[in-house]
Structure formats: C-alpha cells, structure tokens
C-alpha cells in the first residue's frame, strides 16, 4: 500500500514541479523556481522510495526448501 502512495505522490510532485517550472519560464517568478525545484526533488525522492520498495519485495528461498 505504501508503494502505491509513493508512486502517486511522486507523480503529483512531478506534475507540480513541471507546472511551477513552466510558470517560472513564462512569468519570471523567482518563488516559482524555488517551489519547482523543491517539488522536483520530492518527486525524485518519492520515485526512489517507490522503486526501492518494489525491488526488495522478493522472498528468499533457502536451498533446503
């Protein structure tokens, strides 16, 4: 369940980062640049948490089983 939450929050953060960086590019607003960078970093971190959780979900099978 946490993996889905990380994925959704990462996608929302990436969308908001794209919006704020687009807003900075067209309106030259410095606060939009800072908010866009923060959302981009949040998207990277949440995406990493999602991928880290998906990679380590295998179960170890012992050779004697």
N, C-alpha and C. Protein backbone atom coordinates (compact mmCIF):
# COMPACT_ATOMS: atom_id res chain seq x y z
N UNK A 1 0.82 -1.19 0.00
CA UNK A 1 0.00 0.00 0.00
C UNK A 1 0.87 1.27 0.00
N UNK A 2 2.00 1.19 0.72
CA UNK A 2 2.88 2.35 0.74
C UNK A 2 3.49 2.62 -0.63
N UNK A 3 3.75 1.55 -1.38
CA UNK A 3 4.34 1.73 -2.71
C UNK A 3 3.42 2.52 -3.62
N UNK A 4 2.13 2.23 -3.55
CA UNK A 4 1.17 2.96 -4.37
C UNK A 4 1.12 4.43 -3.94
N UNK A 5 1.19 4.67 -2.64
CA UNK A 5 1.17 6.04 -2.13
C UNK A 5 2.42 6.79 -2.59
N UNK A 6 3.58 6.14 -2.53
CA UNK A 6 4.81 6.78 -3.01
C UNK A 6 4.71 7.09 -4.50
N UNK A 7 4.16 6.18 -5.26
CA UNK A 7 4.04 6.39 -6.71
C UNK A 7 3.10 7.55 -7.01
N UNK A 8 1.96 7.59 -6.36
CA UNK A 8 1.01 8.67 -6.61
C UNK A 8 1.56 10.02 -6.18
N UNK A 9 2.18 10.07 -5.01
CA UNK A 9 2.77 11.32 -4.55
C UNK A 9 3.92 11.76 -5.44
N UNK A 10 4.70 10.81 -5.94
CA UNK A 10 5.78 11.14 -6.86
C UNK A 10 5.26 11.71 -8.17
N UNK A 11 4.18 11.13 -8.69
CA UNK A 11 3.60 11.65 -9.93
C UNK A 11 3.00 13.03 -9.74
N UNK A 12 2.33 13.23 -8.62
CA UNK A 12 1.75 14.55 -8.33
C UNK A 12 2.87 15.58 -8.16
N UNK A 13 3.92 15.20 -7.46
CA UNK A 13 5.05 16.12 -7.27
C UNK A 13 5.72 16.45 -8.60
N UNK A 14 5.85 15.47 -9.48
CA UNK A 14 6.45 15.72 -10.79
C UNK A 14 5.57 16.67 -11.62
N UNK A 15 4.27 16.46 -11.55
CA UNK A 15 3.35 17.36 -12.26
C UNK A 15 3.41 18.78 -11.73
N UNK A 16 3.44 18.91 -10.40
CA UNK A 16 3.53 20.25 -9.81
C UNK A 16 4.88 20.90 -10.12
N UNK A 17 5.94 20.11 -10.14
CA UNK A 17 7.25 20.66 -10.49
C UNK A 17 7.23 21.17 -11.93
N UNK A 18 6.64 20.41 -12.83
CA UNK A 18 6.56 20.85 -14.22
C UNK A 18 5.75 22.13 -14.34
N UNK A 19 4.64 22.22 -13.60
CA UNK A 19 3.81 23.42 -13.65
C UNK A 19 4.57 24.64 -13.13
N UNK A 20 5.23 24.51 -11.98
CA UNK A 20 5.92 25.66 -11.41
C UNK A 20 7.14 26.06 -12.22
N UNK A 21 7.84 25.10 -12.81
CA UNK A 21 8.97 25.46 -13.66
C UNK A 21 8.50 26.11 -14.97
N UNK A 22 7.35 25.66 -15.48
CA UNK A 22 6.75 26.31 -16.65
C UNK A 22 6.34 27.73 -16.31
N UNK A 23 5.75 27.88 -15.12
CA UNK A 23 5.33 29.21 -14.67
C UNK A 23 6.54 30.14 -14.51
N UNK A 24 7.64 29.62 -13.99
CA UNK A 24 8.86 30.42 -13.86
C UNK A 24 9.39 30.83 -15.23
N UNK A 25 9.34 29.92 -16.19
CA UNK A 25 9.89 30.21 -17.51
C UNK A 25 9.11 31.31 -18.21
N UNK A 26 7.79 31.34 -18.02
CA UNK A 26 6.98 32.31 -18.74
C UNK A 26 6.76 33.62 -17.99
N UNK A 27 6.74 33.56 -16.66
CA UNK A 27 6.43 34.78 -15.89
C UNK A 27 7.61 35.29 -15.09
N UNK A 28 8.74 34.59 -15.10
CA UNK A 28 9.98 35.01 -14.44
C UNK A 28 9.74 35.31 -12.96
N UNK A 29 9.10 34.38 -12.29
CA UNK A 29 8.80 34.50 -10.86
C UNK A 29 9.78 33.63 -10.09
N UNK A 30 10.58 34.23 -9.22
CA UNK A 30 11.64 33.50 -8.51
C UNK A 30 11.09 32.48 -7.52
N UNK A 31 9.96 32.78 -6.90
CA UNK A 31 9.40 31.81 -5.96
C UNK A 31 8.91 30.57 -6.68
N UNK A 32 8.46 30.72 -7.91
CA UNK A 32 8.04 29.55 -8.69
C UNK A 32 9.22 28.64 -8.98
N UNK A 33 10.40 29.23 -9.19
CA UNK A 33 11.59 28.42 -9.42
C UNK A 33 11.93 27.59 -8.18
N UNK A 34 11.90 28.23 -7.02
CA UNK A 34 12.21 27.51 -5.78
C UNK A 34 11.20 26.40 -5.49
N UNK A 35 9.93 26.71 -5.67
CA UNK A 35 8.89 25.70 -5.43
C UNK A 35 9.02 24.57 -6.44
N UNK A 36 9.32 24.90 -7.69
CA UNK A 36 9.50 23.88 -8.72
C UNK A 36 10.66 22.96 -8.42
N UNK A 37 11.76 23.52 -7.94
CA UNK A 37 12.92 22.71 -7.59
C UNK A 37 12.61 21.80 -6.41
N UNK A 38 11.89 22.34 -5.41
CA UNK A 38 11.52 21.52 -4.25
C UNK A 38 10.60 20.35 -4.65
N UNK A 39 9.63 20.63 -5.52
CA UNK A 39 8.75 19.56 -5.98
C UNK A 39 9.50 18.55 -6.84
N UNK A 40 10.47 19.00 -7.63
CA UNK A 40 11.27 18.07 -8.44
C UNK A 40 12.10 17.16 -7.54
N UNK A 41 12.70 17.72 -6.50
CA UNK A 41 13.45 16.90 -5.55
C UNK A 41 12.55 15.91 -4.82
N UNK A 42 11.35 16.37 -4.46
CA UNK A 42 10.40 15.47 -3.80
C UNK A 42 9.99 14.34 -4.73
N UNK A 43 9.81 14.64 -6.02
CA UNK A 43 9.45 13.60 -6.99
C UNK A 43 10.58 12.57 -7.13
N UNK A 44 11.81 13.03 -7.13
CA UNK A 44 12.95 12.12 -7.23
C UNK A 44 13.03 11.23 -6.01
N UNK A 45 12.87 11.81 -4.83
CA UNK A 45 12.95 11.03 -3.59
C UNK A 45 11.80 10.03 -3.51
N UNK A 46 10.59 10.46 -3.82
CA UNK A 46 9.44 9.56 -3.76
C UNK A 46 9.54 8.46 -4.82
N UNK A 47 10.04 8.80 -5.99
CA UNK A 47 10.25 7.79 -7.02
C UNK A 47 11.29 6.77 -6.59
N UNK A 48 12.35 7.25 -5.94
CA UNK A 48 13.36 6.32 -5.42
C UNK A 48 12.81 5.42 -4.34
N UNK A 49 11.98 5.97 -3.45
CA UNK A 49 11.35 5.13 -2.42
C UNK A 49 10.42 4.09 -3.04
N UNK A 50 9.70 4.48 -4.08
CA UNK A 50 8.83 3.54 -4.77
C UNK A 50 9.63 2.41 -5.40
N UNK A 51 10.70 2.77 -6.12
CA UNK A 51 11.50 1.74 -6.79
C UNK A 51 12.24 0.87 -5.77
N UNK A 52 12.74 1.45 -4.71
CA UNK A 52 13.44 0.68 -3.69
C UNK A 52 12.49 -0.33 -3.03
N UNK A 53 11.25 0.06 -2.82
CA UNK A 53 10.27 -0.85 -2.24
C UNK A 53 9.88 -1.96 -3.20
N UNK A 54 9.86 -1.68 -4.49
CA UNK A 54 9.47 -2.70 -5.48
C UNK A 54 10.59 -3.70 -5.71
N UNK A 55 11.82 -3.27 -5.63
CA UNK A 55 12.95 -4.15 -5.93
C UNK A 55 13.15 -5.17 -4.82
N UNK A 56 12.96 -4.77 -3.58
CA UNK A 56 13.27 -5.64 -2.45
C UNK A 56 12.07 -6.43 -1.94
N UNK A 57 11.10 -6.75 -2.78
CA UNK A 57 9.94 -7.49 -2.32
C UNK A 57 10.02 -8.98 -2.59
N UNK A 58 11.12 -9.49 -3.07
CA UNK A 58 11.21 -10.91 -3.33
C UNK A 58 11.45 -11.66 -2.02
N UNK A 59 11.02 -12.88 -2.00
CA UNK A 59 11.23 -13.69 -0.82
C UNK A 59 12.41 -14.63 -1.08
N UNK A 60 13.24 -14.75 -0.06
CA UNK A 60 14.39 -15.63 -0.19
C UNK A 60 13.95 -17.07 0.02
N UNK A 61 14.38 -17.93 -0.87
CA UNK A 61 14.07 -19.35 -0.77
C UNK A 61 15.39 -20.06 -0.41
N UNK A 62 15.35 -20.75 0.67
CA UNK A 62 16.54 -21.45 1.11
C UNK A 62 16.74 -22.70 0.26
N UNK A 63 17.97 -23.13 0.11
CA UNK A 63 18.30 -24.26 -0.77
C UNK A 63 17.68 -25.56 -0.27
N UNK A 64 17.39 -25.66 1.03
CA UNK A 64 16.83 -26.91 1.56
C UNK A 64 15.31 -26.97 1.42
N UNK A 65 14.67 -25.93 0.99
CA UNK A 65 13.20 -25.96 0.87
C UNK A 65 12.77 -26.57 -0.43
